[in-house]
All heavy atoms as atom14 arrays in JSON, in Angstrom:
{
  "sequence": "RSITSRLEKVRRQRDQGRRSRRRAEVPTVSLVGYTNAGKSTLFNRL",
  "atom14_mask": [
    [1, 1, 1, 1, 1, 1, 1, 1, 1, 1, 1, 0, 0, 0],
    [1, 1, 1, 1, 1, 1, 0, 0, 0, 0, 0, 0, 0, 0],
    [1, 1, 1, 1, 1, 1, 1, 1, 0, 0, 0, 0, 0, 0],
    [1, 1, 1, 1, 1, 1, 1, 0, 0, 0, 0, 0, 0, 0],
    [1, 1, 1, 1, 1, 1, 0, 0, 0, 0, 0, 0, 0, 0],
    [1, 1, 1, 1, 1, 1, 1, 1, 1, 1, 1, 0, 0, 0],
    [1, 1, 1, 1, 1, 1, 1, 1, 0, 0, 0, 0, 0, 0],
    [1, 1, 1, 1, 1, 1, 1, 1, 1, 0, 0, 0, 0, 0],
    [1, 1, 1, 1, 1, 1, 1, 1, 1, 0, 0, 0, 0, 0],
    [1, 1, 1, 1, 1, 1, 1, 0, 0, 0, 0, 0, 0, 0],
    [1, 1, 1, 1, 1, 1, 1, 1, 1, 1, 1, 0, 0, 0],
    [1, 1, 1, 1, 1, 1, 1, 1, 1, 1, 1, 0, 0, 0],
    [1, 1, 1, 1, 1, 1, 1, 1, 1, 0, 0, 0, 0, 0],
    [1, 1, 1, 1, 1, 1, 1, 1, 1, 1, 1, 0, 0, 0],
    [1, 1, 1, 1, 1, 1, 1, 1, 0, 0, 0, 0, 0, 0],
    [1, 1, 1, 1, 1, 1, 1, 1, 1, 0, 0, 0, 0, 0],
    [1, 1, 1, 1, 0, 0, 0, 0, 0, 0, 0, 0, 0, 0],
    [1, 1, 1, 1, 1, 1, 1, 1, 1, 1, 1, 0, 0, 0],
    [1, 1, 1, 1, 1, 1, 1, 1, 1, 1, 1, 0, 0, 0],
    [1, 1, 1, 1, 1, 1, 0, 0, 0, 0, 0, 0, 0, 0],
    [1, 1, 1, 1, 1, 1, 1, 1, 1, 1, 1, 0, 0, 0],
    [1, 1, 1, 1, 1, 1, 1, 1, 1, 1, 1, 0, 0, 0],
    [1, 1, 1, 1, 1, 1, 1, 1, 1, 1, 1, 0, 0, 0],
    [1, 1, 1, 1, 1, 0, 0, 0, 0, 0, 0, 0, 0, 0],
    [1, 1, 1, 1, 1, 1, 1, 1, 1, 0, 0, 0, 0, 0],
    [1, 1, 1, 1, 1, 1, 1, 0, 0, 0, 0, 0, 0, 0],
    [1, 1, 1, 1, 1, 1, 1, 0, 0, 0, 0, 0, 0, 0],
    [1, 1, 1, 1, 1, 1, 1, 0, 0, 0, 0, 0, 0, 0],
    [1, 1, 1, 1, 1, 1, 1, 0, 0, 0, 0, 0, 0, 0],
    [1, 1, 1, 1, 1, 1, 0, 0, 0, 0, 0, 0, 0, 0],
    [1, 1, 1, 1, 1, 1, 1, 1, 0, 0, 0, 0, 0, 0],
    [1, 1, 1, 1, 1, 1, 1, 0, 0, 0, 0, 0, 0, 0],
    [1, 1, 1, 1, 0, 0, 0, 0, 0, 0, 0, 0, 0, 0],
    [1, 1, 1, 1, 1, 1, 1, 1, 1, 1, 1, 1, 0, 0],
    [1, 1, 1, 1, 1, 1, 1, 0, 0, 0, 0, 0, 0, 0],
    [1, 1, 1, 1, 1, 1, 1, 1, 0, 0, 0, 0, 0, 0],
    [1, 1, 1, 1, 1, 0, 0, 0, 0, 0, 0, 0, 0, 0],
    [1, 1, 1, 1, 0, 0, 0, 0, 0, 0, 0, 0, 0, 0],
    [1, 1, 1, 1, 1, 1, 1, 1, 1, 0, 0, 0, 0, 0],
    [1, 1, 1, 1, 1, 1, 0, 0, 0, 0, 0, 0, 0, 0],
    [1, 1, 1, 1, 1, 1, 1, 0, 0, 0, 0, 0, 0, 0],
    [1, 1, 1, 1, 1, 1, 1, 1, 0, 0, 0, 0, 0, 0],
    [1, 1, 1, 1, 1, 1, 1, 1, 1, 1, 1, 0, 0, 0],
    [1, 1, 1, 1, 1, 1, 1, 1, 0, 0, 0, 0, 0, 0],
    [1, 1, 1, 1, 1, 1, 1, 1, 1, 1, 1, 0, 0, 0],
    [1, 1, 1, 1, 1, 1, 1, 1, 0, 0, 0, 0, 0, 0]
  ],
  "atom14_positions": [
    [[-15.36, -15.89, -91.56], [-13.9, -16.0, -91.74], [-13.57, -16.97, -92.87], [-12.67, -16.71, -93.67], [-13.25, -16.48, -90.43], [-13.09, -15.4, -89.38], [-12.1, -15.82, -88.31], [-12.52, -17.04, -87.63], [-13.3, -17.07, -86.54], [-13.74, -15.92, -86.01], [-13.63, -18.2, -85.97], [0.0, 0.0, 0.0], [0.0, 0.0, 0.0], [0.0, 0.0, 0.0]],
    [[-14.28, -18.1, -92.95], [-14.04, -19.09, -94.0], [-14.3, -18.51, -95.39], [-13.48, -18.66, -96.3], [-14.92, -20.32, -93.76], [-14.88, -21.2, -94.85], [0.0, 0.0, 0.0], [0.0, 0.0, 0.0], [0.0, 0.0, 0.0], [0.0, 0.0, 0.0], [0.0, 0.0, 0.0], [0.0, 0.0, 0.0], [0.0, 0.0, 0.0], [0.0, 0.0, 0.0]],
    [[-15.43, -17.81, -95.55], [-15.77, -17.23, -96.85], [-14.79, -16.13, -97.23], [-14.39, -16.02, -98.39], [-17.22, -16.7, -96.83], [-18.21, -17.85, -96.67], [-17.54, -15.93, -98.11], [-19.65, -17.38, -96.49], [0.0, 0.0, 0.0], [0.0, 0.0, 0.0], [0.0, 0.0, 0.0], [0.0, 0.0, 0.0], [0.0, 0.0, 0.0], [0.0, 0.0, 0.0]],
    [[-14.4, -15.32, -96.26], [-13.45, -14.24, -96.53], [-12.13, -14.79, -97.05], [-11.55, -14.25, -98.0], [-13.21, -13.41, -95.26], [-14.47, -12.92, -94.77], [-12.31, -12.22, -95.56], [0.0, 0.0, 0.0], [0.0, 0.0, 0.0], [0.0, 0.0, 0.0], [0.0, 0.0, 0.0], [0.0, 0.0, 0.0], [0.0, 0.0, 0.0], [0.0, 0.0, 0.0]],
    [[-11.64, -15.88, -96.46], [-10.37, -16.47, -96.92], [-10.52, -17.07, -98.31], [-9.6, -16.97, -99.14], [-9.9, -17.54, -95.93], [-10.73, -18.65, -95.93], [0.0, 0.0, 0.0], [0.0, 0.0, 0.0], [0.0, 0.0, 0.0], [0.0, 0.0, 0.0], [0.0, 0.0, 0.0], [0.0, 0.0, 0.0], [0.0, 0.0, 0.0], [0.0, 0.0, 0.0]],
    [[-11.68, -17.68, -98.62], [-11.9, -18.23, -99.97], [-12.0, -17.13, -101.01], [-11.51, -17.26, -102.13], [-13.16, -19.09, -99.96], [-12.97, -20.4, -99.2], [-14.28, -21.05, -98.83], [-14.94, -21.65, -99.97], [-16.12, -22.26, -99.9], [-16.75, -22.34, -98.74], [-16.66, -22.81, -100.97], [0.0, 0.0, 0.0], [0.0, 0.0, 0.0], [0.0, 0.0, 0.0]],
    [[-12.62, -16.01, -100.64], [-12.7, -14.87, -101.56], [-11.33, -14.25, -101.79], [-11.06, -13.71, -102.86], [-13.69, -13.82, -101.04], [-15.17, -14.12, -101.26], [-16.03, -13.08, -100.55], [-15.5, -14.11, -102.75], [0.0, 0.0, 0.0], [0.0, 0.0, 0.0], [0.0, 0.0, 0.0], [0.0, 0.0, 0.0], [0.0, 0.0, 0.0], [0.0, 0.0, 0.0]],
    [[-10.47, -14.31, -100.79], [-9.11, -13.81, -100.94], [-8.36, -14.62, -102.0], [-7.59, -14.07, -102.79], [-8.38, -13.87, -99.61], [-6.97, -13.27, -99.61], [-6.93, -11.8, -99.95], [-7.95, -11.09, -99.73], [-5.88, -11.36, -100.47], [0.0, 0.0, 0.0], [0.0, 0.0, 0.0], [0.0, 0.0, 0.0], [0.0, 0.0, 0.0], [0.0, 0.0, 0.0]],
    [[-8.6, -15.96, -102.02], [-8.0, -16.81, -103.05], [-8.52, -16.41, -104.44], [-7.75, -16.35, -105.4], [-8.32, -18.28, -102.78], [-7.59, -18.89, -101.61], [-7.95, -20.36, -101.45], [-7.26, -20.96, -100.23], [-7.68, -22.38, -100.02], [0.0, 0.0, 0.0], [0.0, 0.0, 0.0], [0.0, 0.0, 0.0], [0.0, 0.0, 0.0], [0.0, 0.0, 0.0]],
    [[-9.81, -16.14, -104.54], [-10.4, -15.71, -105.8], [-9.77, -14.39, -106.25], [-9.44, -14.2, -107.43], [-11.93, -15.56, -105.67], [-12.51, -14.9, -106.91], [-12.59, -16.9, -105.43], [0.0, 0.0, 0.0], [0.0, 0.0, 0.0], [0.0, 0.0, 0.0], [0.0, 0.0, 0.0], [0.0, 0.0, 0.0], [0.0, 0.0, 0.0], [0.0, 0.0, 0.0]],
    [[-9.57, -13.48, -105.29], [-8.98, -12.19, -105.61], [-7.56, -12.35, -106.16], [-7.16, -11.69, -107.11], [-8.97, -11.3, -104.37], [-8.61, -9.84, -104.64], [-8.41, -9.06, -103.35], [-7.26, -9.54, -102.62], [-6.01, -9.23, -102.92], [-5.74, -8.46, -103.95], [-5.03, -9.71, -102.2], [0.0, 0.0, 0.0], [0.0, 0.0, 0.0], [0.0, 0.0, 0.0]],
    [[-6.78, -13.28, -105.54], [-5.42, -13.53, -106.01], [-5.42, -14.12, -107.41], [-4.57, -13.8, -108.25], [-4.69, -14.46, -105.04], [-4.29, -13.78, -103.73], [-3.21, -14.57, -103.01], [-3.67, -15.89, -102.6], [-4.24, -16.15, -101.41], [-4.4, -15.17, -100.52], [-4.64, -17.38, -101.13], [0.0, 0.0, 0.0], [0.0, 0.0, 0.0], [0.0, 0.0, 0.0]],
    [[-6.39, -15.0, -107.71], [-6.51, -15.58, -109.04], [-6.82, -14.5, -110.07], [-6.27, -14.48, -111.17], [-7.59, -16.66, -109.06], [-7.19, -17.95, -108.34], [-8.35, -18.9, -108.18], [-9.49, -18.57, -108.44], [-8.05, -20.1, -107.73], [0.0, 0.0, 0.0], [0.0, 0.0, 0.0], [0.0, 0.0, 0.0], [0.0, 0.0, 0.0], [0.0, 0.0, 0.0]],
    [[-7.74, -13.6, -109.72], [-8.07, -12.49, -110.63], [-6.85, -11.59, -110.83], [-6.61, -11.11, -111.93], [-9.25, -11.68, -110.08], [-10.59, -12.37, -110.2], [-11.72, -11.38, -109.96], [-13.01, -12.0, -110.21], [-13.56, -12.08, -111.39], [-12.93, -11.56, -112.43], [-14.72, -12.65, -111.55], [0.0, 0.0, 0.0], [0.0, 0.0, 0.0], [0.0, 0.0, 0.0]],
    [[-6.09, -11.37, -109.76], [-4.88, -10.57, -109.87], [-3.9, -11.19, -110.86], [-3.26, -10.5, -111.65], [-4.21, -10.43, -108.5], [-4.63, -9.18, -107.77], [-5.28, -8.33, -108.41], [-4.3, -9.04, -106.58], [0.0, 0.0, 0.0], [0.0, 0.0, 0.0], [0.0, 0.0, 0.0], [0.0, 0.0, 0.0], [0.0, 0.0, 0.0], [0.0, 0.0, 0.0]],
    [[-3.79, -12.51, -110.79], [-2.89, -13.23, -111.69], [-3.32, -13.04, -113.14], [-2.49, -12.8, -114.02], [-2.88, -14.71, -111.33], [-1.74, -15.5, -111.93], [-1.71, -16.92, -111.4], [-2.67, -17.4, -110.8], [-0.62, -17.62, -111.59], [0.0, 0.0, 0.0], [0.0, 0.0, 0.0], [0.0, 0.0, 0.0], [0.0, 0.0, 0.0], [0.0, 0.0, 0.0]],
    [[-4.63, -13.14, -113.4], [-5.14, -12.92, -114.74], [-4.88, -11.51, -115.24], [-4.52, -11.29, -116.4], [0.0, 0.0, 0.0], [0.0, 0.0, 0.0], [0.0, 0.0, 0.0], [0.0, 0.0, 0.0], [0.0, 0.0, 0.0], [0.0, 0.0, 0.0], [0.0, 0.0, 0.0], [0.0, 0.0, 0.0], [0.0, 0.0, 0.0], [0.0, 0.0, 0.0]],
    [[-5.06, -10.53, -114.32], [-4.81, -9.13, -114.7], [-3.34, -8.88, -114.98], [-2.99, -8.15, -115.91], [-5.32, -8.2, -113.6], [-6.82, -7.98, -113.61], [-7.22, -6.85, -112.69], [-7.1, -7.22, -111.31], [-8.08, -7.75, -110.56], [-9.26, -7.95, -111.09], [-7.88, -8.06, -109.31], [0.0, 0.0, 0.0], [0.0, 0.0, 0.0], [0.0, 0.0, 0.0]],
    [[-2.45, -9.51, -114.19], [-1.01, -9.35, -114.43], [-0.6, -9.89, -115.79], [0.2, -9.28, -116.5], [-0.21, -10.04, -113.33], [-0.13, -9.25, -112.04], [1.02, -9.75, -111.15], [0.9, -11.16, -110.83], [0.22, -11.64, -109.79], [-0.39, -10.8, -108.97], [0.17, -12.94, -109.56], [0.0, 0.0, 0.0], [0.0, 0.0, 0.0], [0.0, 0.0, 0.0]],
    [[-1.17, -11.03, -116.17], [-0.84, -11.61, -117.48], [-1.33, -10.71, -118.61], [-0.67, -10.57, -119.64], [-1.43, -13.02, -117.61], [-2.81, -13.0, -117.55], [0.0, 0.0, 0.0], [0.0, 0.0, 0.0], [0.0, 0.0, 0.0], [0.0, 0.0, 0.0], [0.0, 0.0, 0.0], [0.0, 0.0, 0.0], [0.0, 0.0, 0.0], [0.0, 0.0, 0.0]],
    [[-2.52, -10.08, -118.41], [-3.03, -9.16, -119.44], [-2.14, -7.92, -119.53], [-1.9, -7.4, -120.62], [-4.47, -8.77, -119.14], [-5.47, -9.88, -119.3], [-6.87, -9.35, -119.47], [-7.36, -8.62, -118.33], [-7.99, -9.17, -117.28], [-8.19, -10.46, -117.25], [-8.41, -8.43, -116.28], [0.0, 0.0, 0.0], [0.0, 0.0, 0.0], [0.0, 0.0, 0.0]],
    [[-1.66, -7.44, -118.35], [-0.78, -6.27, -118.36], [0.54, -6.59, -119.05], [1.08, -5.77, -119.78], [-0.54, -5.77, -116.94], [-1.7, -4.97, -116.36], [-1.27, -4.17, -115.14], [-0.9, -5.03, -114.04], [-1.75, -5.44, -113.09], [-3.02, -5.07, -113.13], [-1.33, -6.22, -112.11], [0.0, 0.0, 0.0], [0.0, 0.0, 0.0], [0.0, 0.0, 0.0]],
    [[1.07, -7.8, -118.8], [2.32, -8.2, -119.46], [2.15, -8.27, -120.97], [3.06, -7.95, -121.72], [2.8, -9.55, -118.93], [3.49, -9.47, -117.57], [4.28, -10.74, -117.29], [3.43, -11.91, -117.24], [2.85, -12.39, -116.13], [3.05, -11.79, -114.97], [2.09, -13.47, -116.17], [0.0, 0.0, 0.0], [0.0, 0.0, 0.0], [0.0, 0.0, 0.0]],
    [[0.97, -8.71, -121.39], [0.69, -8.8, -122.82], [0.26, -7.45, -123.41], [-0.04, -7.36, -124.61], [-0.39, -9.84, -123.08], [0.0, 0.0, 0.0], [0.0, 0.0, 0.0], [0.0, 0.0, 0.0], [0.0, 0.0, 0.0], [0.0, 0.0, 0.0], [0.0, 0.0, 0.0], [0.0, 0.0, 0.0], [0.0, 0.0, 0.0], [0.0, 0.0, 0.0]],
    [[0.23, -6.41, -122.56], [-0.15, -5.06, -122.99], [-1.55, -5.03, -123.6], [-1.81, -4.31, -124.56], [0.87, -4.49, -124.0], [2.3, -4.41, -123.5], [2.5, -3.34, -122.46], [1.62, -2.46, -122.34], [3.51, -3.38, -121.74], [0.0, 0.0, 0.0], [0.0, 0.0, 0.0], [0.0, 0.0, 0.0], [0.0, 0.0, 0.0], [0.0, 0.0, 0.0]],
    [[-2.47, -5.83, -123.03], [-3.85, -5.84, -123.51], [-4.68, -4.89, -122.65], [-4.86, -5.13, -121.45], [-4.45, -7.26, -123.46], [-5.9, -7.26, -123.93], [-3.63, -8.22, -124.3], [0.0, 0.0, 0.0], [0.0, 0.0, 0.0], [0.0, 0.0, 0.0], [0.0, 0.0, 0.0], [0.0, 0.0, 0.0], [0.0, 0.0, 0.0], [0.0, 0.0, 0.0]],
    [[-5.21, -3.8, -123.22], [-5.99, -2.86, -122.42], [-7.32, -3.48, -121.96], [-7.89, -4.34, -122.64], [-6.25, -1.69, -123.4], [-5.37, -1.94, -124.57], [-5.09, -3.4, -124.63], [0.0, 0.0, 0.0], [0.0, 0.0, 0.0], [0.0, 0.0, 0.0], [0.0, 0.0, 0.0], [0.0, 0.0, 0.0], [0.0, 0.0, 0.0], [0.0, 0.0, 0.0]],
    [[-7.82, -3.03, -120.81], [-9.1, -3.49, -120.28], [-10.09, -2.33, -120.3], [-9.79, -1.24, -119.81], [-8.94, -4.02, -118.85], [-8.01, -5.11, -118.84], [-10.27, -4.53, -118.3], [0.0, 0.0, 0.0], [0.0, 0.0, 0.0], [0.0, 0.0, 0.0], [0.0, 0.0, 0.0], [0.0, 0.0, 0.0], [0.0, 0.0, 0.0], [0.0, 0.0, 0.0]],
    [[-11.25, -2.58, -120.88], [-12.34, -1.6, -120.92], [-13.49, -2.16, -120.11], [-13.97, -3.26, -120.39], [-12.78, -1.31, -122.37], [-13.92, -0.31, -122.39], [-11.61, -0.78, -123.2], [0.0, 0.0, 0.0], [0.0, 0.0, 0.0], [0.0, 0.0, 0.0], [0.0, 0.0, 0.0], [0.0, 0.0, 0.0], [0.0, 0.0, 0.0], [0.0, 0.0, 0.0]],
    [[-13.95, -1.43, -119.1], [-14.98, -1.92, -118.18], [-16.27, -1.14, -118.35], [-16.26, 0.09, -118.41], [-14.48, -1.83, -116.74], [-15.38, -2.4, -115.84], [0.0, 0.0, 0.0], [0.0, 0.0, 0.0], [0.0, 0.0, 0.0], [0.0, 0.0, 0.0], [0.0, 0.0, 0.0], [0.0, 0.0, 0.0], [0.0, 0.0, 0.0], [0.0, 0.0, 0.0]],
    [[-17.39, -1.88, -118.42], [-18.71, -1.27, -118.48], [-19.21, -1.01, -117.06], [-19.29, -1.94, -116.25], [-19.7, -2.18, -119.21], [-19.47, -2.4, -120.71], [-20.35, -3.54, -121.2], [-19.77, -1.16, -121.51], [0.0, 0.0, 0.0], [0.0, 0.0, 0.0], [0.0, 0.0, 0.0], [0.0, 0.0, 0.0], [0.0, 0.0, 0.0], [0.0, 0.0, 0.0]],
    [[-19.54, 0.22, -116.74], [-20.12, 0.56, -115.45], [-21.38, 1.37, -115.69], [-21.61, 1.88, -116.79], [-19.13, 1.36, -114.56], [-17.89, 0.55, -114.27], [-18.76, 2.69, -115.2], [0.0, 0.0, 0.0], [0.0, 0.0, 0.0], [0.0, 0.0, 0.0], [0.0, 0.0, 0.0], [0.0, 0.0, 0.0], [0.0, 0.0, 0.0], [0.0, 0.0, 0.0]],
    [[-22.2, 1.49, -114.65], [-23.4, 2.29, -114.79], [-24.47, 1.87, -113.81], [-24.33, 0.89, -113.06], [0.0, 0.0, 0.0], [0.0, 0.0, 0.0], [0.0, 0.0, 0.0], [0.0, 0.0, 0.0], [0.0, 0.0, 0.0], [0.0, 0.0, 0.0], [0.0, 0.0, 0.0], [0.0, 0.0, 0.0], [0.0, 0.0, 0.0], [0.0, 0.0, 0.0]],
    [[-25.56, 2.63, -113.82], [-26.7, 2.34, -112.96], [-27.35, 1.04, -113.42], [-27.26, 0.66, -114.58], [-27.7, 3.5, -113.04], [-28.52, 3.7, -111.8], [-27.98, 4.33, -110.68], [-29.83, 3.27, -111.72], [-28.72, 4.53, -109.53], [-30.59, 3.46, -110.59], [-30.03, 4.1, -109.49], [-30.77, 4.28, -108.33], [0.0, 0.0, 0.0], [0.0, 0.0, 0.0]],
    [[-27.97, 0.35, -112.47], [-28.62, -0.9, -112.83], [-29.73, -0.67, -113.85], [-30.44, 0.34, -113.82], [-29.19, -1.59, -111.57], [-29.8, -2.82, -111.94], [-30.21, -0.72, -110.84], [0.0, 0.0, 0.0], [0.0, 0.0, 0.0], [0.0, 0.0, 0.0], [0.0, 0.0, 0.0], [0.0, 0.0, 0.0], [0.0, 0.0, 0.0], [0.0, 0.0, 0.0]],
    [[-29.85, -1.62, -114.79], [-30.85, -1.58, -115.87], [-30.61, -0.43, -116.86], [-31.55, 0.06, -117.49], [-32.27, -1.5, -115.31], [-33.33, -2.02, -116.28], [-33.04, -2.89, -117.1], [-34.54, -1.48, -116.24], [0.0, 0.0, 0.0], [0.0, 0.0, 0.0], [0.0, 0.0, 0.0], [0.0, 0.0, 0.0], [0.0, 0.0, 0.0], [0.0, 0.0, 0.0]],
    [[-29.34, -0.03, -117.01], [-29.01, 1.01, -117.99], [-28.76, 0.41, -119.38], [-28.67, 1.14, -120.36], [-27.79, 1.81, -117.55], [0.0, 0.0, 0.0], [0.0, 0.0, 0.0], [0.0, 0.0, 0.0], [0.0, 0.0, 0.0], [0.0, 0.0, 0.0], [0.0, 0.0, 0.0], [0.0, 0.0, 0.0], [0.0, 0.0, 0.0], [0.0, 0.0, 0.0]],
    [[-28.61, -0.94, -119.43], [-28.4, -1.61, -120.72], [-26.97, -2.07, -120.95], [-26.55, -2.25, -122.1], [0.0, 0.0, 0.0], [0.0, 0.0, 0.0], [0.0, 0.0, 0.0], [0.0, 0.0, 0.0], [0.0, 0.0, 0.0], [0.0, 0.0, 0.0], [0.0, 0.0, 0.0], [0.0, 0.0, 0.0], [0.0, 0.0, 0.0], [0.0, 0.0, 0.0]],
    [[-26.21, -2.29, -119.86], [-24.8, -2.67, -119.99], [-24.66, -4.05, -120.64], [-23.85, -4.24, -121.54], [-24.13, -2.67, -118.61], [-24.04, -1.3, -117.94], [-23.29, -1.31, -116.63], [-24.03, -2.16, -115.61], [-25.37, -1.62, -115.29], [0.0, 0.0, 0.0], [0.0, 0.0, 0.0], [0.0, 0.0, 0.0], [0.0, 0.0, 0.0], [0.0, 0.0, 0.0]],
    [[-25.44, -5.04, -120.17], [-25.32, -6.4, -120.71], [-25.77, -6.47, -122.15], [-25.2, -7.21, -122.96], [-26.11, -7.38, -119.84], [-25.55, -7.45, -118.54], [0.0, 0.0, 0.0], [0.0, 0.0, 0.0], [0.0, 0.0, 0.0], [0.0, 0.0, 0.0], [0.0, 0.0, 0.0], [0.0, 0.0, 0.0], [0.0, 0.0, 0.0], [0.0, 0.0, 0.0]],
    [[-26.82, -5.72, -122.52], [-27.28, -5.68, -123.91], [-26.18, -5.11, -124.81], [-25.92, -5.63, -125.9], [-28.56, -4.84, -124.02], [-29.54, -5.35, -123.11], [-29.11, -4.87, -125.43], [0.0, 0.0, 0.0], [0.0, 0.0, 0.0], [0.0, 0.0, 0.0], [0.0, 0.0, 0.0], [0.0, 0.0, 0.0], [0.0, 0.0, 0.0], [0.0, 0.0, 0.0]],
    [[-25.53, -4.05, -124.35], [-24.43, -3.45, -125.11], [-23.25, -4.42, -125.18], [-22.62, -4.56, -126.24], [-24.01, -2.13, -124.45], [-22.87, -1.36, -125.12], [-23.24, -0.97, -126.54], [-22.5, -0.12, -124.3], [0.0, 0.0, 0.0], [0.0, 0.0, 0.0], [0.0, 0.0, 0.0], [0.0, 0.0, 0.0], [0.0, 0.0, 0.0], [0.0, 0.0, 0.0]],
    [[-22.96, -5.11, -124.08], [-21.88, -6.09, -124.04], [-22.12, -7.2, -125.07], [-21.21, -7.57, -125.81], [-21.79, -6.67, -122.63], [-20.68, -7.66, -122.42], [-19.4, -7.24, -122.1], [-20.9, -9.02, -122.54], [-18.37, -8.15, -121.9], [-19.88, -9.94, -122.34], [-18.61, -9.5, -122.02], [0.0, 0.0, 0.0], [0.0, 0.0, 0.0], [0.0, 0.0, 0.0]],
    [[-23.35, -7.71, -125.11], [-23.69, -8.76, -126.07], [-23.59, -8.25, -127.5], [-23.17, -8.98, -128.41], [-25.11, -9.29, -125.81], [-25.2, -10.12, -124.54], [-24.2, -10.65, -124.06], [-26.39, -10.22, -123.97], [0.0, 0.0, 0.0], [0.0, 0.0, 0.0], [0.0, 0.0, 0.0], [0.0, 0.0, 0.0], [0.0, 0.0, 0.0], [0.0, 0.0, 0.0]],
    [[-24.01, -7.01, -127.72], [-23.96, -6.42, -129.06], [-22.52, -6.27, -129.55], [-22.21, -6.56, -130.71], [-24.66, -5.06, -129.04], [-24.63, -4.32, -130.36], [-25.52, -4.92, -131.41], [-26.93, -4.89, -131.03], [-27.91, -5.33, -131.81], [-27.63, -5.86, -133.01], [-29.17, -5.29, -131.39], [0.0, 0.0, 0.0], [0.0, 0.0, 0.0], [0.0, 0.0, 0.0]],
    [[-21.61, -5.85, -128.67], [-20.23, -5.6, -129.08], [-19.43, -6.89, -129.25], [-18.59, -7.0, -130.14], [-19.52, -4.7, -128.05], [-20.05, -3.26, -127.92], [-19.34, -2.55, -126.78], [-19.87, -2.49, -129.22], [0.0, 0.0, 0.0], [0.0, 0.0, 0.0], [0.0, 0.0, 0.0], [0.0, 0.0, 0.0], [0.0, 0.0, 0.0], [0.0, 0.0, 0.0]]
  ]
}
């Protein structure tokens, strides 16, 4: 219960960050994929 409530606070903080990005009309592009597909290597390259 304690960890769940702390994660809920984290979720609200992330929501706040996303709302500010939406207000600024900044698009979000997310890397997804199977593990070890090279997402972090591509992220570092870009």
